[in-house]
Amino acid sequence: MTTDAANWAYCEDFVPEDAVLLEARDTADQLGCVPVHPGAGRVLQLLARISGARSAVEIGTGAGVSTTYILRGMGDAGVVTTIDVEPEHHKAARRTLAAGGFAPERARLITGRALDVLPRLTDGGYDMVLIDARKVEYPQYLEQSLRLLRVGGILAIDNSLWHGRVPDPAQRDEETTAVRQTLKSVRQDESLEPMLLPSGDGMLVAVKHAV
């Protein structure tokens, strides 16, 4: 293992996950959905706590790993609206959240295609948005996320390095190109103050401010 890879692995495992998250990861493997890495999950939890987030939107629920991290960072009144196209994912996520001790009203699970659901959510009504669903739709998710976030709200985009393909200009497949385009749009948007973290598979974080 190279020094860079060893450092990454050490950081990812720095805070061990508990039984709730490990069980959710096993369920995710069975369902064929890929949750956030532990390091990225901790980023989300700390962002939610530091910002005092009380309302969040999650695009891509999976088995509820990232939902759990966000809710753990929120105060007792925090609510996550989480969207996934697969009903089986939401069944698994409900089990994960129940095992984590969260009341049902802490998570609003909406089953459906994200690009159909997001336009129905309230403009400027959310403190935090996580993008972690279909990579080819990331540019459209970004457009909707900017509408949903309040000034001072936090945008988080998982898989921002996409298995190391995004930094490599030779990689031009549809998914990589969409993620790369999304990052470029964030960097050029004067309403956003971004930072790209190597945690997990890459986590882009940005704060929305008034322009």
N, C-alpha and C. Protein backbone atom coordinates (compact mmCIF):
# COMPACT_ATOMS: atom_id res chain seq x y z
N MET A 1 0.84 -1.20 0.00
CA MET A 1 0.00 0.00 0.00
C MET A 1 0.88 1.25 0.00
N THR A 2 0.62 2.19 -0.90
CA THR A 2 1.39 3.42 -0.96
C THR A 2 1.09 4.28 0.25
N THR A 3 1.97 5.29 0.47
CA THR A 3 1.76 6.18 1.61
C THR A 3 0.42 6.89 1.51
N ASP A 4 0.07 7.38 0.31
CA ASP A 4 -1.20 8.08 0.14
C ASP A 4 -2.38 7.15 0.45
N ALA A 5 -2.32 5.92 -0.03
CA ALA A 5 -3.41 4.97 0.21
C ALA A 5 -3.48 4.61 1.69
N ALA A 6 -2.33 4.47 2.34
CA ALA A 6 -2.32 4.15 3.76
C ALA A 6 -2.89 5.30 4.58
N ASN A 7 -2.54 6.51 4.21
CA ASN A 7 -3.09 7.68 4.91
C ASN A 7 -4.60 7.75 4.75
N TRP A 8 -5.07 7.51 3.53
CA TRP A 8 -6.52 7.55 3.26
C TRP A 8 -7.23 6.49 4.11
N ALA A 9 -6.69 5.27 4.13
CA ALA A 9 -7.31 4.19 4.90
C ALA A 9 -7.32 4.51 6.39
N TYR A 10 -6.24 5.10 6.88
CA TYR A 10 -6.16 5.46 8.30
C TYR A 10 -7.23 6.49 8.64
N CYS A 11 -7.39 7.49 7.78
CA CYS A 11 -8.40 8.52 8.02
C CYS A 11 -9.81 7.94 7.95
N GLU A 12 -10.07 7.06 6.99
CA GLU A 12 -11.40 6.47 6.86
C GLU A 12 -11.78 5.66 8.09
N ASP A 13 -10.81 5.00 8.69
CA ASP A 13 -11.08 4.12 9.83
C ASP A 13 -10.84 4.80 11.17
N PHE A 14 -10.55 6.10 11.15
CA PHE A 14 -10.15 6.80 12.37
C PHE A 14 -11.24 6.74 13.45
N VAL A 15 -12.50 6.90 13.02
CA VAL A 15 -13.63 6.76 13.95
C VAL A 15 -14.41 5.51 13.52
N PRO A 16 -14.28 4.42 14.25
CA PRO A 16 -14.94 3.17 13.84
C PRO A 16 -16.46 3.32 13.81
N GLU A 17 -17.09 2.66 12.86
CA GLU A 17 -18.55 2.68 12.79
C GLU A 17 -19.15 1.69 13.78
N ASP A 18 -20.35 2.02 14.26
CA ASP A 18 -21.01 1.14 15.23
C ASP A 18 -21.84 0.08 14.51
N ALA A 19 -22.52 -0.75 15.31
CA ALA A 19 -23.26 -1.88 14.76
C ALA A 19 -24.39 -1.44 13.83
N VAL A 20 -25.02 -0.30 14.12
CA VAL A 20 -26.12 0.18 13.28
C VAL A 20 -25.63 0.46 11.87
N LEU A 21 -24.51 1.18 11.76
CA LEU A 21 -23.98 1.53 10.45
C LEU A 21 -23.40 0.31 9.74
N LEU A 22 -22.75 -0.57 10.46
CA LEU A 22 -22.19 -1.77 9.83
C LEU A 22 -23.29 -2.67 9.28
N GLU A 23 -24.39 -2.79 10.03
CA GLU A 23 -25.53 -3.58 9.55
C GLU A 23 -26.15 -2.93 8.31
N ALA A 24 -26.23 -1.60 8.32
CA ALA A 24 -26.77 -0.89 7.15
C ALA A 24 -25.88 -1.10 5.93
N ARG A 25 -24.58 -1.15 6.14
CA ARG A 25 -23.67 -1.41 5.01
C ARG A 25 -23.86 -2.82 4.46
N ASP A 26 -24.05 -3.78 5.34
CA ASP A 26 -24.32 -5.14 4.87
C ASP A 26 -25.60 -5.18 4.04
N THR A 27 -26.62 -4.47 4.51
CA THR A 27 -27.88 -4.42 3.77
C THR A 27 -27.69 -3.74 2.42
N ALA A 28 -26.91 -2.66 2.41
CA ALA A 28 -26.64 -1.96 1.15
C ALA A 28 -25.97 -2.89 0.14
N ASP A 29 -25.03 -3.70 0.61
CA ASP A 29 -24.37 -4.66 -0.28
C ASP A 29 -25.38 -5.62 -0.88
N GLN A 30 -26.31 -6.09 -0.06
CA GLN A 30 -27.33 -7.01 -0.54
C GLN A 30 -28.25 -6.36 -1.57
N LEU A 31 -28.50 -5.06 -1.39
CA LEU A 31 -29.39 -4.34 -2.30
C LEU A 31 -28.67 -3.84 -3.55
N GLY A 32 -27.35 -3.85 -3.51
CA GLY A 32 -26.59 -3.38 -4.65
C GLY A 32 -26.46 -1.87 -4.72
N CYS A 33 -26.62 -1.19 -3.57
CA CYS A 33 -26.42 0.26 -3.54
C CYS A 33 -25.16 0.56 -2.72
N VAL A 34 -24.46 1.61 -3.10
CA VAL A 34 -23.17 1.92 -2.48
C VAL A 34 -23.32 3.13 -1.56
N PRO A 35 -23.15 2.95 -0.25
CA PRO A 35 -23.30 4.08 0.69
C PRO A 35 -22.04 4.94 0.72
N VAL A 36 -22.13 6.08 1.39
CA VAL A 36 -20.96 6.93 1.59
C VAL A 36 -19.92 6.16 2.39
N HIS A 37 -18.65 6.46 2.15
CA HIS A 37 -17.58 5.89 2.95
C HIS A 37 -17.65 6.46 4.37
N PRO A 38 -17.03 5.78 5.33
CA PRO A 38 -17.06 6.28 6.71
C PRO A 38 -16.53 7.70 6.87
N GLY A 39 -15.42 8.00 6.19
CA GLY A 39 -14.87 9.35 6.31
C GLY A 39 -15.81 10.41 5.79
N ALA A 40 -16.47 10.12 4.67
CA ALA A 40 -17.44 11.06 4.11
C ALA A 40 -18.65 11.19 5.02
N GLY A 41 -19.06 10.07 5.62
CA GLY A 41 -20.17 10.12 6.56
C GLY A 41 -19.88 11.02 7.74
N ARG A 42 -18.67 10.93 8.27
CA ARG A 42 -18.28 11.80 9.39
C ARG A 42 -18.26 13.26 8.98
N VAL A 43 -17.85 13.53 7.74
CA VAL A 43 -17.90 14.91 7.23
C VAL A 43 -19.34 15.42 7.28
N LEU A 44 -20.28 14.60 6.81
CA LEU A 44 -21.68 15.01 6.80
C LEU A 44 -22.20 15.25 8.22
N GLN A 45 -21.83 14.35 9.13
CA GLN A 45 -22.29 14.50 10.51
C GLN A 45 -21.77 15.79 11.13
N LEU A 46 -20.51 16.07 10.93
CA LEU A 46 -19.93 17.28 11.51
C LEU A 46 -20.47 18.55 10.85
N LEU A 47 -20.69 18.49 9.53
CA LEU A 47 -21.27 19.65 8.85
C LEU A 47 -22.66 19.96 9.41
N ALA A 48 -23.46 18.92 9.60
CA ALA A 48 -24.80 19.12 10.14
C ALA A 48 -24.73 19.71 11.55
N ARG A 49 -23.79 19.22 12.36
CA ARG A 49 -23.69 19.70 13.74
C ARG A 49 -23.16 21.13 13.79
N ILE A 50 -22.08 21.39 13.06
CA ILE A 50 -21.46 22.72 13.10
C ILE A 50 -22.40 23.79 12.58
N SER A 51 -23.16 23.45 11.54
CA SER A 51 -24.06 24.43 10.92
C SER A 51 -25.37 24.59 11.67
N GLY A 52 -25.65 23.67 12.60
CA GLY A 52 -26.94 23.71 13.29
C GLY A 52 -28.09 23.38 12.38
N ALA A 53 -27.85 22.53 11.39
CA ALA A 53 -28.89 22.21 10.40
C ALA A 53 -30.11 21.57 11.07
N ARG A 54 -31.27 22.02 10.66
CA ARG A 54 -32.53 21.48 11.17
C ARG A 54 -33.37 20.85 10.06
N SER A 55 -33.02 21.17 8.81
CA SER A 55 -33.75 20.59 7.68
C SER A 55 -32.75 20.26 6.57
N ALA A 56 -32.83 19.05 6.06
CA ALA A 56 -31.90 18.62 5.02
C ALA A 56 -32.63 17.83 3.96
N VAL A 57 -32.08 17.86 2.76
CA VAL A 57 -32.56 17.03 1.65
C VAL A 57 -31.42 16.10 1.26
N GLU A 58 -31.77 14.83 1.10
CA GLU A 58 -30.80 13.83 0.67
C GLU A 58 -31.28 13.23 -0.64
N ILE A 59 -30.48 13.34 -1.69
CA ILE A 59 -30.82 12.79 -2.99
C ILE A 59 -30.10 11.46 -3.12
N GLY A 60 -30.83 10.38 -2.85
CA GLY A 60 -30.25 9.04 -2.82
C GLY A 60 -30.19 8.52 -1.40
N THR A 61 -31.14 7.68 -1.03
CA THR A 61 -31.25 7.19 0.35
C THR A 61 -30.42 5.94 0.59
N GLY A 62 -30.47 5.00 -0.36
CA GLY A 62 -29.82 3.71 -0.14
C GLY A 62 -30.40 3.03 1.09
N ALA A 63 -29.52 2.44 1.89
CA ALA A 63 -29.97 1.73 3.09
C ALA A 63 -29.96 2.61 4.32
N GLY A 64 -29.76 3.91 4.14
CA GLY A 64 -29.87 4.84 5.25
C GLY A 64 -28.57 5.16 5.97
N VAL A 65 -27.43 4.85 5.38
CA VAL A 65 -26.14 5.14 6.02
C VAL A 65 -25.93 6.65 6.15
N SER A 66 -25.99 7.36 5.04
CA SER A 66 -25.77 8.82 5.11
C SER A 66 -26.89 9.52 5.85
N THR A 67 -28.11 9.00 5.75
CA THR A 67 -29.22 9.57 6.51
C THR A 67 -28.92 9.52 8.00
N THR A 68 -28.39 8.40 8.44
CA THR A 68 -28.04 8.23 9.86
C THR A 68 -26.96 9.22 10.27
N TYR A 69 -25.95 9.36 9.45
CA TYR A 69 -24.88 10.31 9.78
C TYR A 69 -25.42 11.73 9.90
N ILE A 70 -26.26 12.14 8.96
CA ILE A 70 -26.80 13.50 8.99
C ILE A 70 -27.67 13.70 10.23
N LEU A 71 -28.55 12.75 10.51
CA LEU A 71 -29.43 12.89 11.67
C LEU A 71 -28.63 12.90 12.97
N ARG A 72 -27.55 12.16 13.04
CA ARG A 72 -26.73 12.18 14.25
C ARG A 72 -26.08 13.54 14.46
N GLY A 73 -25.85 14.25 13.37
CA GLY A 73 -25.27 15.58 13.51
C GLY A 73 -26.29 16.65 13.83
N MET A 74 -27.54 16.41 13.52
CA MET A 74 -28.60 17.39 13.76
C MET A 74 -29.04 17.38 15.23
N GLY A 75 -29.69 18.44 15.61
CA GLY A 75 -30.34 18.46 16.91
C GLY A 75 -31.56 17.56 16.91
N ASP A 76 -32.20 17.46 18.07
CA ASP A 76 -33.33 16.53 18.22
C ASP A 76 -34.51 16.86 17.31
N ALA A 77 -34.57 18.12 16.86
CA ALA A 77 -35.71 18.53 16.03
C ALA A 77 -35.40 18.44 14.53
N GLY A 78 -34.18 18.03 14.18
CA GLY A 78 -33.80 17.99 12.77
C GLY A 78 -34.55 16.94 11.98
N VAL A 79 -34.86 17.27 10.73
CA VAL A 79 -35.60 16.36 9.85
C VAL A 79 -34.87 16.26 8.51
N VAL A 80 -34.74 15.04 8.02
CA VAL A 80 -34.15 14.80 6.70
C VAL A 80 -35.24 14.35 5.74
N THR A 81 -35.36 15.04 4.62
CA THR A 81 -36.21 14.60 3.52
C THR A 81 -35.32 13.85 2.55
N THR A 82 -35.55 12.55 2.40
CA THR A 82 -34.65 11.73 1.61
C THR A 82 -35.39 11.05 0.47
N ILE A 83 -34.81 11.08 -0.71
CA ILE A 83 -35.46 10.66 -1.94
C ILE A 83 -34.72 9.48 -2.55
N ASP A 84 -35.46 8.45 -2.95
CA ASP A 84 -34.86 7.32 -3.64
C ASP A 84 -35.91 6.70 -4.56
N VAL A 85 -35.47 6.24 -5.70
CA VAL A 85 -36.40 5.68 -6.67
C VAL A 85 -36.82 4.25 -6.32
N GLU A 86 -36.05 3.58 -5.43
CA GLU A 86 -36.30 2.18 -5.12
C GLU A 86 -37.04 2.02 -3.79
N PRO A 87 -38.27 1.48 -3.80
CA PRO A 87 -39.00 1.25 -2.55
C PRO A 87 -38.24 0.35 -1.57
N GLU A 88 -37.50 -0.63 -2.08
CA GLU A 88 -36.76 -1.54 -1.20
C GLU A 88 -35.68 -0.79 -0.43
N HIS A 89 -35.11 0.23 -1.03
CA HIS A 89 -34.12 1.03 -0.33
C HIS A 89 -34.76 1.72 0.87
N HIS A 90 -35.95 2.24 0.69
CA HIS A 90 -36.61 2.95 1.79
C HIS A 90 -37.04 1.99 2.90
N LYS A 91 -37.43 0.79 2.53
CA LYS A 91 -37.74 -0.19 3.57
C LYS A 91 -36.51 -0.46 4.43
N ALA A 92 -35.37 -0.61 3.77
CA ALA A 92 -34.12 -0.86 4.49
C ALA A 92 -33.73 0.34 5.33
N ALA A 93 -33.90 1.53 4.77
CA ALA A 93 -33.53 2.75 5.50
C ALA A 93 -34.39 2.92 6.75
N ARG A 94 -35.66 2.59 6.66
CA ARG A 94 -36.53 2.68 7.84
C ARG A 94 -36.03 1.76 8.95
N ARG A 95 -35.58 0.57 8.57
CA ARG A 95 -35.04 -0.36 9.57
C ARG A 95 -33.76 0.20 10.19
N THR A 96 -32.92 0.79 9.35
CA THR A 96 -31.68 1.37 9.85
C THR A 96 -31.95 2.51 10.83
N LEU A 97 -32.87 3.39 10.48
CA LEU A 97 -33.16 4.54 11.34
C LEU A 97 -33.83 4.11 12.64
N ALA A 98 -34.68 3.09 12.56
CA ALA A 98 -35.29 2.58 13.78
C ALA A 98 -34.24 1.96 14.69
N ALA A 99 -33.30 1.22 14.10
CA ALA A 99 -32.22 0.63 14.90
C ALA A 99 -31.34 1.71 15.51
N GLY A 100 -31.25 2.85 14.83
CA GLY A 100 -30.45 3.96 15.34
C GLY A 100 -31.16 4.79 16.39
N GLY A 101 -32.42 4.46 16.68
CA GLY A 101 -33.15 5.15 17.73
C GLY A 101 -33.85 6.42 17.29
N PHE A 102 -34.01 6.62 15.99
CA PHE A 102 -34.66 7.84 15.50
C PHE A 102 -36.17 7.63 15.37
N ALA A 103 -36.92 8.60 15.82
CA ALA A 103 -38.37 8.56 15.66
C ALA A 103 -38.73 8.64 14.17
N PRO A 104 -39.83 8.01 13.77
CA PRO A 104 -40.20 8.00 12.35
C PRO A 104 -40.33 9.39 11.73
N GLU A 105 -40.76 10.37 12.54
CA GLU A 105 -40.96 11.71 11.99
C GLU A 105 -39.66 12.45 11.71
N ARG A 106 -38.53 11.88 12.11
CA ARG A 106 -37.24 12.54 11.85
C ARG A 106 -36.82 12.39 10.39
N ALA A 107 -37.42 11.46 9.66
CA ALA A 107 -37.06 11.23 8.26
C ALA A 107 -38.32 11.18 7.41
N ARG A 108 -38.35 12.00 6.40
CA ARG A 108 -39.45 12.03 5.44
C ARG A 108 -38.96 11.33 4.18
N LEU A 109 -39.36 10.09 4.00
CA LEU A 109 -38.88 9.28 2.88
C LEU A 109 -39.85 9.39 1.71
N ILE A 110 -39.34 9.87 0.58
CA ILE A 110 -40.17 10.04 -0.61
C ILE A 110 -39.63 9.11 -1.70
N THR A 111 -40.46 8.18 -2.12
CA THR A 111 -40.07 7.25 -3.17
C THR A 111 -40.44 7.81 -4.52
N GLY A 112 -39.46 7.93 -5.39
CA GLY A 112 -39.71 8.47 -6.71
C GLY A 112 -38.41 8.93 -7.36
N ARG A 113 -38.52 9.28 -8.61
CA ARG A 113 -37.36 9.80 -9.34
C ARG A 113 -37.03 11.18 -8.81
N ALA A 114 -35.77 11.41 -8.46
CA ALA A 114 -35.39 12.66 -7.80
C ALA A 114 -35.76 13.89 -8.62
N LEU A 115 -35.58 13.83 -9.93
CA LEU A 115 -35.86 15.00 -10.75
C LEU A 115 -37.35 15.29 -10.87
N ASP A 116 -38.18 14.33 -10.49
CA ASP A 116 -39.62 14.57 -10.41
C ASP A 116 -40.02 15.11 -9.04
N VAL A 117 -39.31 14.67 -8.01
CA VAL A 117 -39.66 15.05 -6.64
C VAL A 117 -39.10 16.42 -6.25
N LEU A 118 -37.86 16.70 -6.61
CA LEU A 118 -37.19 17.93 -6.15
C LEU A 118 -37.94 19.21 -6.50
N PRO A 119 -38.52 19.33 -7.69
CA PRO A 119 -39.23 20.58 -8.00
C PRO A 119 -40.42 20.86 -7.09
N ARG A 120 -40.89 19.84 -6.37
CA ARG A 120 -42.03 20.03 -5.47
C ARG A 120 -41.62 20.50 -4.08
N LEU A 121 -40.33 20.54 -3.81
CA LEU A 121 -39.85 20.96 -2.50
C LEU A 121 -39.70 22.48 -2.45
N THR A 122 -39.69 23.03 -1.24
CA THR A 122 -39.78 24.48 -1.03
C THR A 122 -38.49 25.22 -1.34
N ASP A 123 -38.62 26.31 -2.11
CA ASP A 123 -37.47 27.17 -2.40
C ASP A 123 -36.87 27.71 -1.10
N GLY A 124 -35.54 27.61 -0.98
CA GLY A 124 -34.87 28.19 0.17
C GLY A 124 -35.28 27.62 1.50
N GLY A 125 -35.81 26.41 1.50
CA GLY A 125 -36.37 25.85 2.73
C GLY A 125 -35.46 24.89 3.48
N TYR A 126 -34.20 24.76 3.03
CA TYR A 126 -33.36 23.72 3.62
C TYR A 126 -31.98 24.24 3.99
N ASP A 127 -31.46 23.67 5.08
CA ASP A 127 -30.15 24.05 5.60
C ASP A 127 -29.02 23.26 4.95
N MET A 128 -29.35 22.13 4.38
CA MET A 128 -28.31 21.23 3.88
C MET A 128 -28.89 20.36 2.78
N VAL A 129 -28.11 20.13 1.73
CA VAL A 129 -28.51 19.20 0.66
C VAL A 129 -27.33 18.29 0.35
N LEU A 130 -27.60 16.98 0.30
CA LEU A 130 -26.61 15.99 -0.10
C LEU A 130 -27.01 15.40 -1.44
N ILE A 131 -26.09 15.45 -2.39
CA ILE A 131 -26.28 14.83 -3.70
C ILE A 131 -25.50 13.51 -3.72
N ASP A 132 -26.23 12.40 -3.93
CA ASP A 132 -25.57 11.09 -3.95
C ASP A 132 -26.47 10.08 -4.64
N ALA A 133 -26.80 10.34 -5.90
CA ALA A 133 -27.66 9.42 -6.64
C ALA A 133 -27.07 9.21 -8.04
N ARG A 134 -27.88 9.24 -9.06
CA ARG A 134 -27.40 8.94 -10.41
C ARG A 134 -26.40 9.99 -10.87
N LYS A 135 -25.20 9.55 -11.22
CA LYS A 135 -24.13 10.49 -11.56
C LYS A 135 -24.46 11.31 -12.80
N VAL A 136 -25.13 10.71 -13.78
CA VAL A 136 -25.43 11.44 -15.00
C VAL A 136 -26.42 12.58 -14.75
N GLU A 137 -27.12 12.53 -13.63
CA GLU A 137 -28.09 13.57 -13.31
C GLU A 137 -27.54 14.61 -12.32
N TYR A 138 -26.26 14.51 -11.97
CA TYR A 138 -25.68 15.46 -11.02
C TYR A 138 -25.86 16.93 -11.44
N PRO A 139 -25.69 17.28 -12.72
CA PRO A 139 -25.88 18.69 -13.08
C PRO A 139 -27.29 19.19 -12.78
N GLN A 140 -28.29 18.36 -13.04
CA GLN A 140 -29.68 18.75 -12.73
C GLN A 140 -29.93 18.79 -11.23
N TYR A 141 -29.33 17.84 -10.50
CA TYR A 141 -29.45 17.88 -9.04
C TYR A 141 -28.87 19.17 -8.48
N LEU A 142 -27.75 19.59 -9.03
CA LEU A 142 -27.12 20.83 -8.56
C LEU A 142 -28.06 22.02 -8.77
N GLU A 143 -28.66 22.09 -9.92
CA GLU A 143 -29.59 23.19 -10.21
C GLU A 143 -30.72 23.23 -9.20
N GLN A 144 -31.30 22.08 -8.90
CA GLN A 144 -32.38 22.02 -7.92
C GLN A 144 -31.88 22.33 -6.51
N SER A 145 -30.70 21.85 -6.18
CA SER A 145 -30.15 22.05 -4.83
C SER A 145 -29.95 23.54 -4.54
N LEU A 146 -29.47 24.27 -5.51
CA LEU A 146 -29.24 25.70 -5.31
C LEU A 146 -30.55 26.43 -5.04
N ARG A 147 -31.61 25.96 -5.64
CA ARG A 147 -32.92 26.55 -5.39
C ARG A 147 -33.42 26.21 -3.99
N LEU A 148 -33.14 25.01 -3.54
CA LEU A 148 -33.65 24.55 -2.25
C LEU A 148 -32.90 25.13 -1.05
N LEU A 149 -31.62 25.41 -1.23
CA LEU A 149 -30.80 25.85 -0.10
C LEU A 149 -31.09 27.29 0.28
N ARG A 150 -31.15 27.53 1.59
CA ARG A 150 -31.21 28.91 2.09
C ARG A 150 -29.82 29.53 2.00
N VAL A 151 -29.75 30.84 2.08
CA VAL A 151 -28.45 31.50 2.19
C VAL A 151 -27.78 31.05 3.48
N GLY A 152 -26.54 30.63 3.40
CA GLY A 152 -25.84 30.06 4.54
C GLY A 152 -25.95 28.55 4.60
N GLY A 153 -26.75 27.96 3.71
CA GLY A 153 -26.92 26.51 3.69
C GLY A 153 -25.72 25.81 3.08
N ILE A 154 -25.64 24.51 3.33
CA ILE A 154 -24.49 23.71 2.92
C ILE A 154 -24.88 22.71 1.84
N LEU A 155 -24.09 22.69 0.78
CA LEU A 155 -24.22 21.71 -0.29
C LEU A 155 -23.11 20.68 -0.13
N ALA A 156 -23.45 19.40 -0.21
CA ALA A 156 -22.45 18.32 -0.17
C ALA A 156 -22.70 17.40 -1.36
N ILE A 157 -21.63 17.07 -2.07
CA ILE A 157 -21.73 16.21 -3.25
C ILE A 157 -20.78 15.03 -3.07
N ASP A 158 -21.35 13.83 -2.90
CA ASP A 158 -20.52 12.64 -2.72
C ASP A 158 -20.06 12.11 -4.07
N ASN A 159 -19.03 11.27 -4.04
CA ASN A 159 -18.42 10.68 -5.24
C ASN A 159 -17.86 11.75 -6.18
N SER A 160 -17.35 12.82 -5.60
CA SER A 160 -16.86 13.92 -6.42
C SER A 160 -15.54 13.60 -7.13
N LEU A 161 -14.87 12.54 -6.73
CA LEU A 161 -13.69 12.08 -7.45
C LEU A 161 -14.02 10.88 -8.34
N TRP A 162 -15.15 10.25 -8.08
CA TRP A 162 -15.68 9.13 -8.86
C TRP A 162 -14.59 8.11 -9.20
N HIS A 163 -14.11 7.46 -8.15
CA HIS A 163 -13.11 6.40 -8.27
C HIS A 163 -11.82 6.87 -8.94
N GLY A 164 -11.49 8.14 -8.73
CA GLY A 164 -10.27 8.69 -9.28
C GLY A 164 -10.36 9.05 -10.75
N ARG A 165 -11.55 8.96 -11.32
CA ARG A 165 -11.70 9.24 -12.75
C ARG A 165 -11.84 10.72 -13.05
N VAL A 166 -12.46 11.47 -12.14
CA VAL A 166 -12.71 12.90 -12.41
C VAL A 166 -11.42 13.69 -12.64
N PRO A 167 -10.36 13.48 -11.85
CA PRO A 167 -9.13 14.26 -12.08
C PRO A 167 -8.38 13.86 -13.34
N ASP A 168 -8.73 12.73 -13.93
CA ASP A 168 -8.01 12.22 -15.10
C ASP A 168 -8.70 12.68 -16.38
N PRO A 169 -8.12 13.63 -17.12
CA PRO A 169 -8.78 14.16 -18.32
C PRO A 169 -9.01 13.12 -19.41
N ALA A 170 -8.32 11.99 -19.32
CA ALA A 170 -8.52 10.95 -20.33
C ALA A 170 -9.82 10.19 -20.12
N GLN A 171 -10.41 10.32 -18.94
CA GLN A 171 -11.66 9.63 -18.63
C GLN A 171 -12.84 10.49 -19.06
N ARG A 172 -13.57 10.05 -20.08
CA ARG A 172 -14.63 10.87 -20.66
C ARG A 172 -15.96 10.13 -20.78
N ASP A 173 -16.15 9.11 -19.97
CA ASP A 173 -17.44 8.42 -19.98
C ASP A 173 -18.52 9.35 -19.46
N GLU A 174 -19.76 8.98 -19.67
CA GLU A 174 -20.89 9.86 -19.37
C GLU A 174 -20.97 10.24 -17.90
N GLU A 175 -20.77 9.26 -17.02
CA GLU A 175 -20.88 9.54 -15.59
C GLU A 175 -19.76 10.47 -15.12
N THR A 176 -18.52 10.14 -15.51
CA THR A 176 -17.39 10.98 -15.11
C THR A 176 -17.54 12.39 -15.63
N THR A 177 -17.96 12.53 -16.87
CA THR A 177 -18.14 13.85 -17.47
C THR A 177 -19.20 14.65 -16.73
N ALA A 178 -20.28 13.99 -16.31
CA ALA A 178 -21.35 14.69 -15.59
C ALA A 178 -20.87 15.17 -14.23
N VAL A 179 -20.13 14.32 -13.51
CA VAL A 179 -19.60 14.75 -12.21
C VAL A 179 -18.61 15.89 -12.39
N ARG A 180 -17.72 15.75 -13.37
CA ARG A 180 -16.72 16.80 -13.64
C ARG A 180 -17.41 18.12 -13.99
N GLN A 181 -18.46 18.06 -14.80
CA GLN A 181 -19.21 19.27 -15.17
C GLN A 181 -19.84 19.91 -13.94
N THR A 182 -20.36 19.07 -13.04
CA THR A 182 -21.00 19.58 -11.82
C THR A 182 -19.99 20.31 -10.95
N LEU A 183 -18.81 19.73 -10.76
CA LEU A 183 -17.78 20.38 -9.96
C LEU A 183 -17.35 21.70 -10.58
N LYS A 184 -17.24 21.72 -11.90
CA LYS A 184 -16.87 22.96 -12.58
C LYS A 184 -17.93 24.03 -12.37
N SER A 185 -19.20 23.63 -12.43
CA SER A 185 -20.29 24.59 -12.22
C SER A 185 -20.27 25.15 -10.81
N VAL A 186 -19.99 24.29 -9.83
CA VAL A 186 -19.89 24.76 -8.44
C VAL A 186 -18.76 25.77 -8.30
N ARG A 187 -17.62 25.44 -8.87
CA ARG A 187 -16.44 26.30 -8.75
C ARG A 187 -16.67 27.67 -9.39
N GLN A 188 -17.47 27.70 -10.44
CA GLN A 188 -17.70 28.95 -11.17
C GLN A 188 -18.89 29.75 -10.65
N ASP A 189 -19.67 29.16 -9.76
CA ASP A 189 -20.87 29.82 -9.25
C ASP A 189 -20.51 30.81 -8.15
N GLU A 190 -20.78 32.08 -8.37
CA GLU A 190 -20.40 33.11 -7.42
C GLU A 190 -21.21 33.06 -6.13
N SER A 191 -22.29 32.29 -6.13
CA SER A 191 -23.10 32.17 -4.90
C SER A 191 -22.58 31.07 -3.98
N LEU A 192 -21.55 30.36 -4.41
CA LEU A 192 -21.04 29.22 -3.63
C LEU A 192 -19.58 29.43 -3.24
N GLU A 193 -19.26 29.00 -2.03
CA GLU A 193 -17.87 28.99 -1.56
C GLU A 193 -17.50 27.52 -1.32
N PRO A 194 -16.76 26.90 -2.27
CA PRO A 194 -16.58 25.45 -2.22
C PRO A 194 -15.22 25.00 -1.69
N MET A 195 -15.18 23.71 -1.34
CA MET A 195 -13.94 23.02 -1.00
C MET A 195 -14.12 21.56 -1.38
N LEU A 196 -13.09 20.98 -1.99
CA LEU A 196 -13.13 19.58 -2.40
C LEU A 196 -12.27 18.76 -1.44
N LEU A 197 -12.90 17.80 -0.76
CA LEU A 197 -12.22 16.97 0.22
C LEU A 197 -11.97 15.57 -0.35
N PRO A 198 -10.83 14.94 0.00
CA PRO A 198 -10.57 13.59 -0.49
C PRO A 198 -11.24 12.50 0.34
N SER A 199 -12.04 12.86 1.31
CA SER A 199 -12.72 11.87 2.16
C SER A 199 -13.61 10.97 1.32
N GLY A 200 -13.60 9.68 1.67
CA GLY A 200 -14.42 8.74 0.93
C GLY A 200 -14.01 8.68 -0.53
N ASP A 201 -14.99 8.82 -1.41
CA ASP A 201 -14.75 8.85 -2.85
C ASP A 201 -14.74 10.30 -3.35
N GLY A 202 -14.37 11.20 -2.46
CA GLY A 202 -14.39 12.63 -2.78
C GLY A 202 -15.68 13.26 -2.32
N MET A 203 -15.58 14.31 -1.51
CA MET A 203 -16.76 15.02 -1.02
C MET A 203 -16.57 16.51 -1.28
N LEU A 204 -17.36 17.05 -2.21
CA LEU A 204 -17.33 18.48 -2.44
C LEU A 204 -18.31 19.14 -1.47
N VAL A 205 -17.85 20.15 -0.77
CA VAL A 205 -18.67 20.89 0.19
C VAL A 205 -18.67 22.35 -0.21
N ALA A 206 -19.82 22.98 -0.16
CA ALA A 206 -19.92 24.41 -0.49
C ALA A 206 -20.96 25.06 0.38
N VAL A 207 -20.72 26.32 0.70
CA VAL A 207 -21.67 27.14 1.43
C VAL A 207 -22.30 28.13 0.48
N LYS A 208 -23.61 28.26 0.52
CA LYS A 208 -24.31 29.22 -0.33
C LYS A 208 -24.37 30.57 0.38
N HIS A 209 -23.99 31.61 -0.34
CA HIS A 209 -24.08 32.94 0.25
C HIS A 209 -24.80 33.88 -0.73
N ALA A 210 -25.19 35.02 -0.23
CA ALA A 210 -25.92 35.99 -1.05
C ALA A 210 -24.97 36.60 -2.07
N VAL A 211 -25.49 36.93 -3.23
CA VAL A 211 -24.69 37.60 -4.28
C VAL A 211 -25.36 38.91 -4.66
